[in-house]
Amino acid sequence: MELDNKAKDYFIVARISEKIGKFDVACTNYFKSLAAVNDFVLAKKELFPKDHNERFFMLKENEPFLYKITSSLFLTYRRTYTKNIDTNEALMLKEKVKEAFEYAKIAIPSDSEIEKYFKR
């Protein structure tokens, strides 16, 4: 699967989770979407991280804009495993992920695309 499509799929699942009030699940999938965006951008530079540590290192060295976004959201992502995430945090995370999509020149899934996905 292409990384840009993977990023879109995670984003769509996050939006659906957000719409039904599952903000922890939404945040987890927004962050996975961001990781796929990061990997998409890094792959264009022939860089292929094996894990979060490598991804952070490669971003810091090669993509400071994405590194800043990703590192600022990582603690929220980690908290999804043990704490409840509120609406405001989910919305903030979504907006940062949208910035990453725009930076990577990946089209952000529209609400109509999300509805089609949901109907499947």
PDB file of N, CA and C in Angstrom:
ATOM      1  N   MET A   1       0.848  -1.191   0.000  1.00  0.00           N
ATOM      2  CA  MET A   1       0.000   0.000   0.000  1.00  0.00           C
ATOM      3  C   MET A   1       0.882   1.240   0.000  1.00  0.00           C
ATOM      4  N   GLU A   2       0.489   2.226  -0.733  1.00  0.00           N
ATOM      5  CA  GLU A   2       1.196   3.495  -0.771  1.00  0.00           C
ATOM      6  C   GLU A   2       1.015   4.230   0.552  1.00  0.00           C
ATOM      7  N   LEU A   3       2.075   4.880   1.003  1.00  0.00           N
ATOM      8  CA  LEU A   3       2.033   5.557   2.305  1.00  0.00           C
ATOM      9  C   LEU A   3       1.042   6.716   2.335  1.00  0.00           C
ATOM     10  N   ASP A   4       0.859   7.414   1.215  1.00  0.00           N
ATOM     11  CA  ASP A   4      -0.112   8.503   1.210  1.00  0.00           C
ATOM     12  C   ASP A   4      -1.534   7.959   1.386  1.00  0.00           C
ATOM     13  N   ASN A   5      -1.824   6.816   0.787  1.00  0.00           N
ATOM     14  CA  ASN A   5      -3.143   6.194   0.975  1.00  0.00           C
ATOM     15  C   ASN A   5      -3.314   5.684   2.405  1.00  0.00           C
ATOM     16  N   LYS A   6      -2.235   5.147   2.971  1.00  0.00           N
ATOM     17  CA  LYS A   6      -2.280   4.691   4.357  1.00  0.00           C
ATOM     18  C   LYS A   6      -2.569   5.882   5.279  1.00  0.00           C
ATOM     19  N   ALA A   7      -1.927   7.009   5.018  1.00  0.00           N
ATOM     20  CA  ALA A   7      -2.160   8.213   5.819  1.00  0.00           C
ATOM     21  C   ALA A   7      -3.634   8.634   5.728  1.00  0.00           C
ATOM     22  N   LYS A   8      -4.176   8.584   4.529  1.00  0.00           N
ATOM     23  CA  LYS A   8      -5.586   8.950   4.343  1.00  0.00           C
ATOM     24  C   LYS A   8      -6.512   7.971   5.064  1.00  0.00           C
ATOM     25  N   ASP A   9      -6.215   6.674   4.973  1.00  0.00           N
ATOM     26  CA  ASP A   9      -7.057   5.673   5.633  1.00  0.00           C
ATOM     27  C   ASP A   9      -7.089   5.885   7.147  1.00  0.00           C
ATOM     28  N   TYR A  10      -5.930   6.087   7.749  1.00  0.00           N
ATOM     29  CA  TYR A  10      -5.897   6.341   9.196  1.00  0.00           C
ATOM     30  C   TYR A  10      -6.656   7.626   9.538  1.00  0.00           C
ATOM     31  N   PHE A  11      -6.526   8.643   8.686  1.00  0.00           N
ATOM     32  CA  PHE A  11      -7.225   9.906   8.923  1.00  0.00           C
ATOM     33  C   PHE A  11      -8.740   9.687   8.884  1.00  0.00           C
ATOM     34  N   ILE A  12      -9.189   8.917   7.911  1.00  0.00           N
ATOM     35  CA  ILE A  12     -10.627   8.639   7.781  1.00  0.00           C
ATOM     36  C   ILE A  12     -11.142   7.889   9.005  1.00  0.00           C
ATOM     37  N   VAL A  13     -10.424   6.874   9.451  1.00  0.00           N
ATOM     38  CA  VAL A  13     -10.831   6.127  10.642  1.00  0.00           C
ATOM     39  C   VAL A  13     -10.840   7.052  11.863  1.00  0.00           C
ATOM     40  N   ALA A  14      -9.885   7.959  11.932  1.00  0.00           N
ATOM     41  CA  ALA A  14      -9.851   8.929  13.034  1.00  0.00           C
ATOM     42  C   ALA A  14     -11.078   9.830  13.003  1.00  0.00           C
ATOM     43  N   ARG A  15     -11.431  10.319  11.824  1.00  0.00           N
ATOM     44  CA  ARG A  15     -12.611  11.203  11.704  1.00  0.00           C
ATOM     45  C   ARG A  15     -13.888  10.464  12.103  1.00  0.00           C
ATOM     46  N   ILE A  16     -14.024   9.215  11.676  1.00  0.00           N
ATOM     47  CA  ILE A  16     -15.209   8.429  12.035  1.00  0.00           C
ATOM     48  C   ILE A  16     -15.241   8.249  13.551  1.00  0.00           C
ATOM     49  N   SER A  17     -14.109   7.927  14.151  1.00  0.00           N
ATOM     50  CA  SER A  17     -14.039   7.760  15.606  1.00  0.00           C
ATOM     51  C   SER A  17     -14.397   9.056  16.315  1.00  0.00           C
ATOM     52  N   GLU A  18     -13.903  10.158  15.779  1.00  0.00           N
ATOM     53  CA  GLU A  18     -14.217  11.473  16.360  1.00  0.00           C
ATOM     54  C   GLU A  18     -15.724  11.741  16.300  1.00  0.00           C
ATOM     55  N   LYS A  19     -16.329  11.437  15.164  1.00  0.00           N
ATOM     56  CA  LYS A  19     -17.764  11.693  14.988  1.00  0.00           C
ATOM     57  C   LYS A  19     -18.630  10.888  15.961  1.00  0.00           C
ATOM     58  N   ILE A  20     -18.142   9.727  16.389  1.00  0.00           N
ATOM     59  CA  ILE A  20     -18.941   8.925  17.331  1.00  0.00           C
ATOM     60  C   ILE A  20     -18.458   9.091  18.774  1.00  0.00           C
ATOM     61  N   GLY A  21     -17.591  10.098  18.995  1.00  0.00           N
ATOM     62  CA  GLY A  21     -17.185  10.435  20.350  1.00  0.00           C
ATOM     63  C   GLY A  21     -16.099   9.557  20.947  1.00  0.00           C
ATOM     64  N   LYS A  22     -15.402   8.813  20.131  1.00  0.00           N
ATOM     65  CA  LYS A  22     -14.298   7.961  20.593  1.00  0.00           C
ATOM     66  C   LYS A  22     -12.981   8.712  20.365  1.00  0.00           C
ATOM     67  N   PHE A  23     -12.721   9.697  21.225  1.00  0.00           N
ATOM     68  CA  PHE A  23     -11.607  10.608  21.005  1.00  0.00           C
ATOM     69  C   PHE A  23     -10.245   9.945  21.208  1.00  0.00           C
ATOM     70  N   ASP A  24     -10.161   8.960  22.100  1.00  0.00           N
ATOM     71  CA  ASP A  24      -8.892   8.236  22.282  1.00  0.00           C
ATOM     72  C   ASP A  24      -8.529   7.497  20.995  1.00  0.00           C
ATOM     73  N   VAL A  25      -9.510   6.821  20.420  1.00  0.00           N
ATOM     74  CA  VAL A  25      -9.292   6.082  19.168  1.00  0.00           C
ATOM     75  C   VAL A  25      -8.983   7.059  18.036  1.00  0.00           C
ATOM     76  N   ALA A  26      -9.685   8.184  18.029  1.00  0.00           N
ATOM     77  CA  ALA A  26      -9.434   9.208  17.008  1.00  0.00           C
ATOM     78  C   ALA A  26      -7.990   9.690  17.093  1.00  0.00           C
ATOM     79  N   CYS A  27      -7.530  10.016  18.294  1.00  0.00           N
ATOM     80  CA  CYS A  27      -6.161  10.509  18.448  1.00  0.00           C
ATOM     81  C   CYS A  27      -5.126   9.469  18.052  1.00  0.00           C
ATOM     82  N   THR A  28      -5.353   8.228  18.426  1.00  0.00           N
ATOM     83  CA  THR A  28      -4.425   7.162  18.042  1.00  0.00           C
ATOM     84  C   THR A  28      -4.314   7.088  16.524  1.00  0.00           C
ATOM     85  N   ASN A  29      -5.438   7.158  15.842  1.00  0.00           N
ATOM     86  CA  ASN A  29      -5.414   7.062  14.387  1.00  0.00           C
ATOM     87  C   ASN A  29      -4.923   8.339  13.716  1.00  0.00           C
ATOM     88  N   TYR A  30      -5.166   9.503  14.309  1.00  0.00           N
ATOM     89  CA  TYR A  30      -4.569  10.728  13.771  1.00  0.00           C
ATOM     90  C   TYR A  30      -3.053  10.629  13.844  1.00  0.00           C
ATOM     91  N   PHE A  31      -2.539  10.114  14.964  1.00  0.00           N
ATOM     92  CA  PHE A  31      -1.096  10.003  15.089  1.00  0.00           C
ATOM     93  C   PHE A  31      -0.540   8.976  14.103  1.00  0.00           C
ATOM     94  N   LYS A  32      -1.236   7.875  13.902  1.00  0.00           N
ATOM     95  CA  LYS A  32      -0.801   6.886  12.908  1.00  0.00           C
ATOM     96  C   LYS A  32      -0.816   7.504  11.511  1.00  0.00           C
ATOM     97  N   SER A  33      -1.811   8.338  11.257  1.00  0.00           N
ATOM     98  CA  SER A  33      -1.878   9.053   9.989  1.00  0.00           C
ATOM     99  C   SER A  33      -0.651   9.946   9.834  1.00  0.00           C
ATOM    100  N   LEU A  34      -0.304  10.651  10.901  1.00  0.00           N
ATOM    101  CA  LEU A  34       0.875  11.517  10.883  1.00  0.00           C
ATOM    102  C   LEU A  34       2.145  10.700  10.630  1.00  0.00           C
ATOM    103  N   ALA A  35       2.263   9.550  11.271  1.00  0.00           N
ATOM    104  CA  ALA A  35       3.434   8.695  11.061  1.00  0.00           C
ATOM    105  C   ALA A  35       3.537   8.271   9.594  1.00  0.00           C
ATOM    106  N   ALA A  36       2.408   7.967   8.981  1.00  0.00           N
ATOM    107  CA  ALA A  36       2.414   7.585   7.562  1.00  0.00           C
ATOM    108  C   ALA A  36       2.801   8.778   6.682  1.00  0.00           C
ATOM    109  N   VAL A  37       2.336   9.980   7.025  1.00  0.00           N
ATOM    110  CA  VAL A  37       2.748  11.188   6.292  1.00  0.00           C
ATOM    111  C   VAL A  37       4.260  11.357   6.415  1.00  0.00           C
ATOM    112  N   ASN A  38       4.756  11.219   7.650  1.00  0.00           N
ATOM    113  CA  ASN A  38       6.201  11.338   7.871  1.00  0.00           C
ATOM    114  C   ASN A  38       6.974  10.343   7.016  1.00  0.00           C
ATOM    115  N   ASP A  39       6.525   9.098   7.032  1.00  0.00           N
ATOM    116  CA  ASP A  39       7.214   8.060   6.268  1.00  0.00           C
ATOM    117  C   ASP A  39       7.129   8.323   4.766  1.00  0.00           C
ATOM    118  N   PHE A  40       6.006   8.876   4.316  1.00  0.00           N
ATOM    119  CA  PHE A  40       5.834   9.254   2.909  1.00  0.00           C
ATOM    120  C   PHE A  40       6.888  10.285   2.504  1.00  0.00           C
ATOM    121  N   VAL A  41       7.048  11.319   3.333  1.00  0.00           N
ATOM    122  CA  VAL A  41       8.016  12.382   3.039  1.00  0.00           C
ATOM    123  C   VAL A  41       9.442  11.837   3.126  1.00  0.00           C
ATOM    124  N   LEU A  42       9.722  11.041   4.153  1.00  0.00           N
ATOM    125  CA  LEU A  42      11.065  10.477   4.298  1.00  0.00           C
ATOM    126  C   LEU A  42      11.403   9.525   3.149  1.00  0.00           C
ATOM    127  N   ALA A  43      10.422   8.752   2.692  1.00  0.00           N
ATOM    128  CA  ALA A  43      10.658   7.805   1.599  1.00  0.00           C
ATOM    129  C   ALA A  43      11.087   8.523   0.322  1.00  0.00           C
ATOM    130  N   LYS A  44      10.594   9.726   0.122  1.00  0.00           N
ATOM    131  CA  LYS A  44      11.005  10.510  -1.045  1.00  0.00           C
ATOM    132  C   LYS A  44      12.494  10.833  -0.991  1.00  0.00           C
ATOM    133  N   LYS A  45      13.062  10.766   0.208  1.00  0.00           N
ATOM    134  CA  LYS A  45      14.494  11.010   0.390  1.00  0.00           C
ATOM    135  C   LYS A  45      15.263   9.700   0.586  1.00  0.00           C
ATOM    136  N   GLU A  46      14.587   8.595   0.236  1.00  0.00           N
ATOM    137  CA  GLU A  46      15.194   7.267   0.376  1.00  0.00           C
ATOM    138  C   GLU A  46      15.531   6.922   1.829  1.00  0.00           C
ATOM    139  N   LEU A  47      14.713   7.413   2.761  1.00  0.00           N
ATOM    140  CA  LEU A  47      14.870   7.127   4.187  1.00  0.00           C
ATOM    141  C   LEU A  47      13.676   6.303   4.645  1.00  0.00           C
ATOM    142  N   PHE A  48      13.947   5.196   5.323  1.00  0.00           N
ATOM    143  CA  PHE A  48      12.893   4.262   5.702  1.00  0.00           C
ATOM    144  C   PHE A  48      13.062   3.852   7.172  1.00  0.00           C
ATOM    145  N   PRO A  49      12.433   4.581   8.088  1.00  0.00           N
ATOM    146  CA  PRO A  49      12.588   4.262   9.514  1.00  0.00           C
ATOM    147  C   PRO A  49      11.922   2.943   9.879  1.00  0.00           C
ATOM    148  N   LYS A  50      12.538   2.244  10.843  1.00  0.00           N
ATOM    149  CA  LYS A  50      12.005   0.962  11.316  1.00  0.00           C
ATOM    150  C   LYS A  50      11.062   1.137  12.499  1.00  0.00           C
ATOM    151  N   ASP A  51      11.194   2.251  13.226  1.00  0.00           N
ATOM    152  CA  ASP A  51      10.398   2.448  14.436  1.00  0.00           C
ATOM    153  C   ASP A  51      10.312   3.936  14.762  1.00  0.00           C
ATOM    154  N   HIS A  52       9.626   4.248  15.875  1.00  0.00           N
ATOM    155  CA  HIS A  52       9.451   5.658  16.263  1.00  0.00           C
ATOM    156  C   HIS A  52      10.797   6.345  16.498  1.00  0.00           C
ATOM    157  N   ASN A  53      11.728   5.663  17.144  1.00  0.00           N
ATOM    158  CA  ASN A  53      13.023   6.293  17.426  1.00  0.00           C
ATOM    159  C   ASN A  53      13.746   6.696  16.151  1.00  0.00           C
ATOM    160  N   GLU A  54      13.802   5.799  15.206  1.00  0.00           N
ATOM    161  CA  GLU A  54      14.448   6.124  13.927  1.00  0.00           C
ATOM    162  C   GLU A  54      13.694   7.234  13.206  1.00  0.00           C
ATOM    163  N   ARG A  55      12.366   7.165  13.254  1.00  0.00           N
ATOM    164  CA  ARG A  55      11.559   8.190  12.588  1.00  0.00           C
ATOM    165  C   ARG A  55      11.868   9.567  13.180  1.00  0.00           C
ATOM    166  N   PHE A  56      11.897   9.665  14.512  1.00  0.00           N
ATOM    167  CA  PHE A  56      12.194  10.948  15.150  1.00  0.00           C
ATOM    168  C   PHE A  56      13.581  11.451  14.750  1.00  0.00           C
ATOM    169  N   PHE A  57      14.565  10.566  14.764  1.00  0.00           N
ATOM    170  CA  PHE A  57      15.921  10.954  14.396  1.00  0.00           C
ATOM    171  C   PHE A  57      15.963  11.466  12.958  1.00  0.00           C
ATOM    172  N   MET A  58      15.359  10.706  12.042  1.00  0.00           N
ATOM    173  CA  MET A  58      15.367  11.090  10.625  1.00  0.00           C
ATOM    174  C   MET A  58      14.623  12.396  10.392  1.00  0.00           C
ATOM    175  N   LEU A  59      13.502  12.573  11.094  1.00  0.00           N
ATOM    176  CA  LEU A  59      12.755  13.825  10.958  1.00  0.00           C
ATOM    177  C   LEU A  59      13.575  14.995  11.476  1.00  0.00           C
ATOM    178  N   LYS A  60      14.175  14.826  12.621  1.00  0.00           N
ATOM    179  CA  LYS A  60      14.964  15.911  13.218  1.00  0.00           C
ATOM    180  C   LYS A  60      16.091  16.339  12.285  1.00  0.00           C
ATOM    181  N   GLU A  61      16.730  15.366  11.654  1.00  0.00           N
ATOM    182  CA  GLU A  61      17.860  15.646  10.759  1.00  0.00           C
ATOM    183  C   GLU A  61      17.428  16.177   9.387  1.00  0.00           C
ATOM    184  N   ASN A  62      16.260  15.727   8.904  1.00  0.00           N
ATOM    185  CA  ASN A  62      15.896  15.980   7.506  1.00  0.00           C
ATOM    186  C   ASN A  62      14.611  16.780   7.290  1.00  0.00           C
ATOM    187  N   GLU A  63      13.719  16.772   8.261  1.00  0.00           N
ATOM    188  CA  GLU A  63      12.418  17.430   8.114  1.00  0.00           C
ATOM    189  C   GLU A  63      12.024  18.120   9.422  1.00  0.00           C
ATOM    190  N   PRO A  64      12.679  19.226   9.752  1.00  0.00           N
ATOM    191  CA  PRO A  64      12.420  19.881  11.043  1.00  0.00           C
ATOM    192  C   PRO A  64      10.957  20.299  11.253  1.00  0.00           C
ATOM    193  N   PHE A  65      10.270  20.680  10.185  1.00  0.00           N
ATOM    194  CA  PHE A  65       8.862  21.071  10.325  1.00  0.00           C
ATOM    195  C   PHE A  65       8.026  19.894  10.813  1.00  0.00           C
ATOM    196  N   LEU A  66       8.196  18.733  10.180  1.00  0.00           N
ATOM    197  CA  LEU A  66       7.450  17.544  10.590  1.00  0.00           C
ATOM    198  C   LEU A  66       7.924  17.034  11.947  1.00  0.00           C
ATOM    199  N   TYR A  67       9.191  17.178  12.226  1.00  0.00           N
ATOM    200  CA  TYR A  67       9.704  16.781  13.541  1.00  0.00           C
ATOM    201  C   TYR A  67       9.020  17.580  14.644  1.00  0.00           C
ATOM    202  N   LYS A  68       8.900  18.881  14.437  1.00  0.00           N
ATOM    203  CA  LYS A  68       8.268  19.740  15.444  1.00  0.00           C
ATOM    204  C   LYS A  68       6.816  19.317  15.697  1.00  0.00           C
ATOM    205  N   ILE A  69       6.082  19.078  14.636  1.00  0.00           N
ATOM    206  CA  ILE A  69       4.691  18.648  14.777  1.00  0.00           C
ATOM    207  C   ILE A  69       4.624  17.294  15.499  1.00  0.00           C
ATOM    208  N   THR A  70       5.405  16.356  15.018  1.00  0.00           N
ATOM    209  CA  THR A  70       5.347  14.991  15.546  1.00  0.00           C
ATOM    210  C   THR A  70       5.772  14.930  17.004  1.00  0.00           C
ATOM    211  N   SER A  71       6.859  15.594  17.335  1.00  0.00           N
ATOM    212  CA  SER A  71       7.329  15.545  18.719  1.00  0.00           C
ATOM    213  C   SER A  71       6.358  16.244  19.664  1.00  0.00           C
ATOM    214  N   SER A  72       5.681  17.286  19.182  1.00  0.00           N
ATOM    215  CA  SER A  72       4.717  17.991  20.041  1.00  0.00           C
ATOM    216  C   SER A  72       3.470  17.154  20.315  1.00  0.00           C
ATOM    217  N   LEU A  73       3.182  16.180  19.458  1.00  0.00           N
ATOM    218  CA  LEU A  73       1.969  15.364  19.599  1.00  0.00           C
ATOM    219  C   LEU A  73       2.227  13.986  20.203  1.00  0.00           C
ATOM    220  N   PHE A  74       3.477  13.604  20.322  1.00  0.00           N
ATOM    221  CA  PHE A  74       3.789  12.240  20.735  1.00  0.00           C
ATOM    222  C   PHE A  74       3.285  11.926  22.145  1.00  0.00           C
ATOM    223  N   LEU A  75       3.394  12.857  23.071  1.00  0.00           N
ATOM    224  CA  LEU A  75       2.919  12.592  24.437  1.00  0.00           C
ATOM    225  C   LEU A  75       1.403  12.409  24.475  1.00  0.00           C
ATOM    226  N   THR A  76       0.687  13.168  23.676  1.00  0.00           N
ATOM    227  CA  THR A  76      -0.763  12.984  23.602  1.00  0.00           C
ATOM    228  C   THR A  76      -1.069  11.580  23.083  1.00  0.00           C
ATOM    229  N   TYR A  77      -0.364  11.173  22.045  1.00  0.00           N
ATOM    230  CA  TYR A  77      -0.542   9.823  21.505  1.00  0.00           C
ATOM    231  C   TYR A  77      -0.278   8.775  22.584  1.00  0.00           C
ATOM    232  N   ARG A  78       0.793   8.932  23.329  1.00  0.00           N
ATOM    233  CA  ARG A  78       1.133   7.964  24.380  1.00  0.00           C
ATOM    234  C   ARG A  78       0.062   7.934  25.468  1.00  0.00           C
ATOM    235  N   ARG A  79      -0.518   9.094  25.781  1.00  0.00           N
ATOM    236  CA  ARG A  79      -1.551   9.148  26.817  1.00  0.00           C
ATOM    237  C   ARG A  79      -2.835   8.457  26.405  1.00  0.00           C
ATOM    238  N   THR A  80      -3.046   8.252  25.113  1.00  0.00           N
ATOM    239  CA  THR A  80      -4.281   7.574  24.676  1.00  0.00           C
ATOM    240  C   THR A  80      -4.359   6.164  25.233  1.00  0.00           C
ATOM    241  N   TYR A  81      -3.231   5.595  25.590  1.00  0.00           N
ATOM    242  CA  TYR A  81      -3.220   4.233  26.126  1.00  0.00           C
ATOM    243  C   TYR A  81      -3.700   4.161  27.571  1.00  0.00           C
ATOM    244  N   THR A  82      -3.581   5.268  28.308  1.00  0.00           N
ATOM    245  CA  THR A  82      -3.877   5.214  29.746  1.00  0.00           C
ATOM    246  C   THR A  82      -4.858   6.266  30.245  1.00  0.00           C
ATOM    247  N   LYS A  83      -5.116   7.294  29.457  1.00  0.00           N
ATOM    248  CA  LYS A  83      -5.972   8.398  29.896  1.00  0.00           C
ATOM    249  C   LYS A  83      -7.027   8.706  28.839  1.00  0.00           C
ATOM    250  N   ASN A  84      -8.065   9.379  29.280  1.00  0.00           N
ATOM    251  CA  ASN A  84      -9.082   9.837  28.337  1.00  0.00           C
ATOM    252  C   ASN A  84      -8.601  11.120  27.658  1.00  0.00           C
ATOM    253  N   ILE A  85      -8.883  11.237  26.397  1.00  0.00           N
ATOM    254  CA  ILE A  85      -8.535  12.419  25.612  1.00  0.00           C
ATOM    255  C   ILE A  85      -9.828  13.180  25.346  1.00  0.00           C
ATOM    256  N   ASP A  86      -9.791  14.490  25.548  1.00  0.00           N
ATOM    257  CA  ASP A  86     -11.024  15.264  25.365  1.00  0.00           C
ATOM    258  C   ASP A  86     -11.142  15.804  23.936  1.00  0.00           C
ATOM    259  N   THR A  87     -12.283  16.378  23.662  1.00  0.00           N
ATOM    260  CA  THR A  87     -12.592  16.898  22.328  1.00  0.00           C
ATOM    261  C   THR A  87     -11.554  17.900  21.856  1.00  0.00           C
ATOM    262  N   ASN A  88     -11.174  18.824  22.739  1.00  0.00           N
ATOM    263  CA  ASN A  88     -10.234  19.871  22.342  1.00  0.00           C
ATOM    264  C   ASN A  88      -8.880  19.305  21.930  1.00  0.00           C
ATOM    265  N   GLU A  89      -8.396  18.314  22.659  1.00  0.00           N
ATOM    266  CA  GLU A  89      -7.115  17.697  22.291  1.00  0.00           C
ATOM    267  C   GLU A  89      -7.214  16.984  20.960  1.00  0.00           C
ATOM    268  N   ALA A  90      -8.316  16.301  20.746  1.00  0.00           N
ATOM    269  CA  ALA A  90      -8.507  15.598  19.475  1.00  0.00           C
ATOM    270  C   ALA A  90      -8.550  16.590  18.311  1.00  0.00           C
ATOM    271  N   LEU A  91      -9.228  17.708  18.507  1.00  0.00           N
ATOM    272  CA  LEU A  91      -9.313  18.718  17.448  1.00  0.00           C
ATOM    273  C   LEU A  91      -7.955  19.350  17.177  1.00  0.00           C
ATOM    274  N   MET A  92      -7.194  19.620  18.241  1.00  0.00           N
ATOM    275  CA  MET A  92      -5.859  20.188  18.080  1.00  0.00           C
ATOM    276  C   MET A  92      -4.965  19.224  17.309  1.00  0.00           C
ATOM    277  N   LEU A  93      -5.024  17.949  17.670  1.00  0.00           N
ATOM    278  CA  LEU A  93      -4.215  16.944  16.995  1.00  0.00           C
ATOM    279  C   LEU A  93      -4.603  16.866  15.520  1.00  0.00           C
ATOM    280  N   LYS A  94      -5.897  16.863  15.256  1.00  0.00           N
ATOM    281  CA  LYS A  94      -6.376  16.796  13.867  1.00  0.00           C
ATOM    282  C   LYS A  94      -5.841  17.980  13.053  1.00  0.00           C
ATOM    283  N   GLU A  95      -5.869  19.173  13.618  1.00  0.00           N
ATOM    284  CA  GLU A  95      -5.399  20.355  12.889  1.00  0.00           C
ATOM    285  C   GLU A  95      -3.907  20.269  12.585  1.00  0.00           C
ATOM    286  N   LYS A  96      -3.126  19.763  13.524  1.00  0.00           N
ATOM    287  CA  LYS A  96      -1.683  19.600  13.299  1.00  0.00           C
ATOM    288  C   LYS A  96      -1.430  18.550  12.211  1.00  0.00           C
ATOM    289  N   VAL A  97      -2.217  17.486  12.218  1.00  0.00           N
ATOM    290  CA  VAL A  97      -2.068  16.454  11.194  1.00  0.00           C
ATOM    291  C   VAL A  97      -2.430  17.026   9.820  1.00  0.00           C
ATOM    292  N   LYS A  98      -3.432  17.873   9.775  1.00  0.00           N
ATOM    293  CA  LYS A  98      -3.791  18.530   8.505  1.00  0.00           C
ATOM    294  C   LYS A  98      -2.630  19.370   7.990  1.00  0.00           C
ATOM    295  N   GLU A  99      -1.924  20.058   8.893  1.00  0.00           N
ATOM    296  CA  GLU A  99      -0.750  20.833   8.487  1.00  0.00           C
ATOM    297  C   GLU A  99       0.298  19.925   7.848  1.00  0.00           C
ATOM    298  N   ALA A 100       0.491  18.756   8.440  1.00  0.00           N
ATOM    299  CA  ALA A 100       1.462  17.796   7.892  1.00  0.00           C
ATOM    300  C   ALA A 100       1.024  17.315   6.507  1.00  0.00           C
ATOM    301  N   PHE A 101      -0.278  17.031   6.341  1.00  0.00           N
ATOM    302  CA  PHE A 101      -0.804  16.625   5.037  1.00  0.00           C
ATOM    303  C   PHE A 101      -0.507  17.710   4.000  1.00  0.00           C
ATOM    304  N   GLU A 102      -0.788  18.960   4.351  1.00  0.00           N
ATOM    305  CA  GLU A 102      -0.561  20.064   3.414  1.00  0.00           C
ATOM    306  C   GLU A 102       0.920  20.193   3.071  1.00  0.00           C
ATOM    307  N   TYR A 103       1.771  20.069   4.071  1.00  0.00           N
ATOM    308  CA  TYR A 103       3.211  20.145   3.862  1.00  0.00           C
ATOM    309  C   TYR A 103       3.675  19.045   2.895  1.00  0.00           C
ATOM    310  N   ALA A 104       3.132  17.852   3.065  1.00  0.00           N
ATOM    311  CA  ALA A 104       3.511  16.705   2.236  1.00  0.00           C
ATOM    312  C   ALA A 104       2.801  16.706   0.881  1.00  0.00           C
ATOM    313  N   LYS A 105       1.891  17.654   0.691  1.00  0.00           N
ATOM    314  CA  LYS A 105       1.095  17.746  -0.541  1.00  0.00           C
ATOM    315  C   LYS A 105       0.246  16.488  -0.768  1.00  0.00           C
ATOM    316  N   ILE A 106      -0.360  16.034   0.340  1.00  0.00           N
ATOM    317  CA  ILE A 106      -1.305  14.924   0.294  1.00  0.00           C
ATOM    318  C   ILE A 106      -2.693  15.521   0.520  1.00  0.00           C
ATOM    319  N   ALA A 107      -3.637  15.178  -0.325  1.00  0.00           N
ATOM    320  CA  ALA A 107      -4.997  15.703  -0.184  1.00  0.00           C
ATOM    321  C   ALA A 107      -5.627  15.181   1.109  1.00  0.00           C
ATOM    322  N   ILE A 108      -6.170  16.085   1.884  1.00  0.00           N
ATOM    323  CA  ILE A 108      -6.864  15.717   3.119  1.00  0.00           C
ATOM    324  C   ILE A 108      -8.208  15.120   2.730  1.00  0.00           C
ATOM    325  N   PRO A 109      -8.545  13.940   3.247  1.00  0.00           N
ATOM    326  CA  PRO A 109      -9.836  13.335   2.894  1.00  0.00           C
ATOM    327  C   PRO A 109     -11.012  14.260   3.230  1.00  0.00           C
ATOM    328  N   SER A 110     -11.903  14.405   2.276  1.00  0.00           N
ATOM    329  CA  SER A 110     -13.082  15.251   2.476  1.00  0.00           C
ATOM    330  C   SER A 110     -14.151  14.488   3.252  1.00  0.00           C
ATOM    331  N   ASP A 111     -15.140  15.233   3.739  1.00  0.00           N
ATOM    332  CA  ASP A 111     -16.242  14.585   4.454  1.00  0.00           C
ATOM    333  C   ASP A 111     -16.982  13.596   3.551  1.00  0.00           C
ATOM    334  N   SER A 112     -17.078  13.899   2.254  1.00  0.00           N
ATOM    335  CA  SER A 112     -17.771  12.968   1.352  1.00  0.00           C
ATOM    336  C   SER A 112     -16.966  11.673   1.182  1.00  0.00           C
ATOM    337  N   GLU A 113     -15.636  11.764   1.140  1.00  0.00           N
ATOM    338  CA  GLU A 113     -14.811  10.552   1.085  1.00  0.00           C
ATOM    339  C   GLU A 113     -15.000   9.731   2.358  1.00  0.00           C
ATOM    340  N   ILE A 114     -15.090  10.433   3.472  1.00  0.00           N
ATOM    341  CA  ILE A 114     -15.262   9.760   4.762  1.00  0.00           C
ATOM    342  C   ILE A 114     -16.606   9.038   4.805  1.00  0.00           C
ATOM    343  N   GLU A 115     -17.640   9.685   4.288  1.00  0.00           N
ATOM    344  CA  GLU A 115     -18.971   9.055   4.251  1.00  0.00           C
ATOM    345  C   GLU A 115     -18.950   7.785   3.384  1.00  0.00           C
ATOM    346  N   LYS A 116     -18.263   7.836   2.242  1.00  0.00           N
ATOM    347  CA  LYS A 116     -18.159   6.662   1.379  1.00  0.00           C
ATOM    348  C   LYS A 116     -17.445   5.530   2.107  1.00  0.00           C
ATOM    349  N   TYR A 117     -16.380   5.863   2.811  1.00  0.00           N
ATOM    350  CA  TYR A 117     -15.605   4.877   3.559  1.00  0.00           C
ATOM    351  C   TYR A 117     -16.470   4.238   4.644  1.00  0.00           C
ATOM    352  N   PHE A 118     -17.256   5.090   5.318  1.00  0.00           N
ATOM    353  CA  PHE A 118     -18.110   4.624   6.403  1.00  0.00           C
ATOM    354  C   PHE A 118     -19.187   3.682   5.886  1.00  0.00           C
ATOM    355  N   LYS A 119     -19.710   3.937   4.704  1.00  0.00           N
ATOM    356  CA  LYS A 119     -20.765   3.118   4.120  1.00  0.00           C
ATOM    357  C   LYS A 119     -20.263   1.742   3.677  1.00  0.00           C
ATOM    358  N   ARG A 120     -18.959   1.631   3.420  1.00  0.00           N
ATOM    359  CA  ARG A 120     -18.380   0.340   3.035  1.00  0.00           C
ATOM    360  C   ARG A 120     -18.567  -0.594   4.164  1.00  0.00           C
TER     361      ARG A 120
END
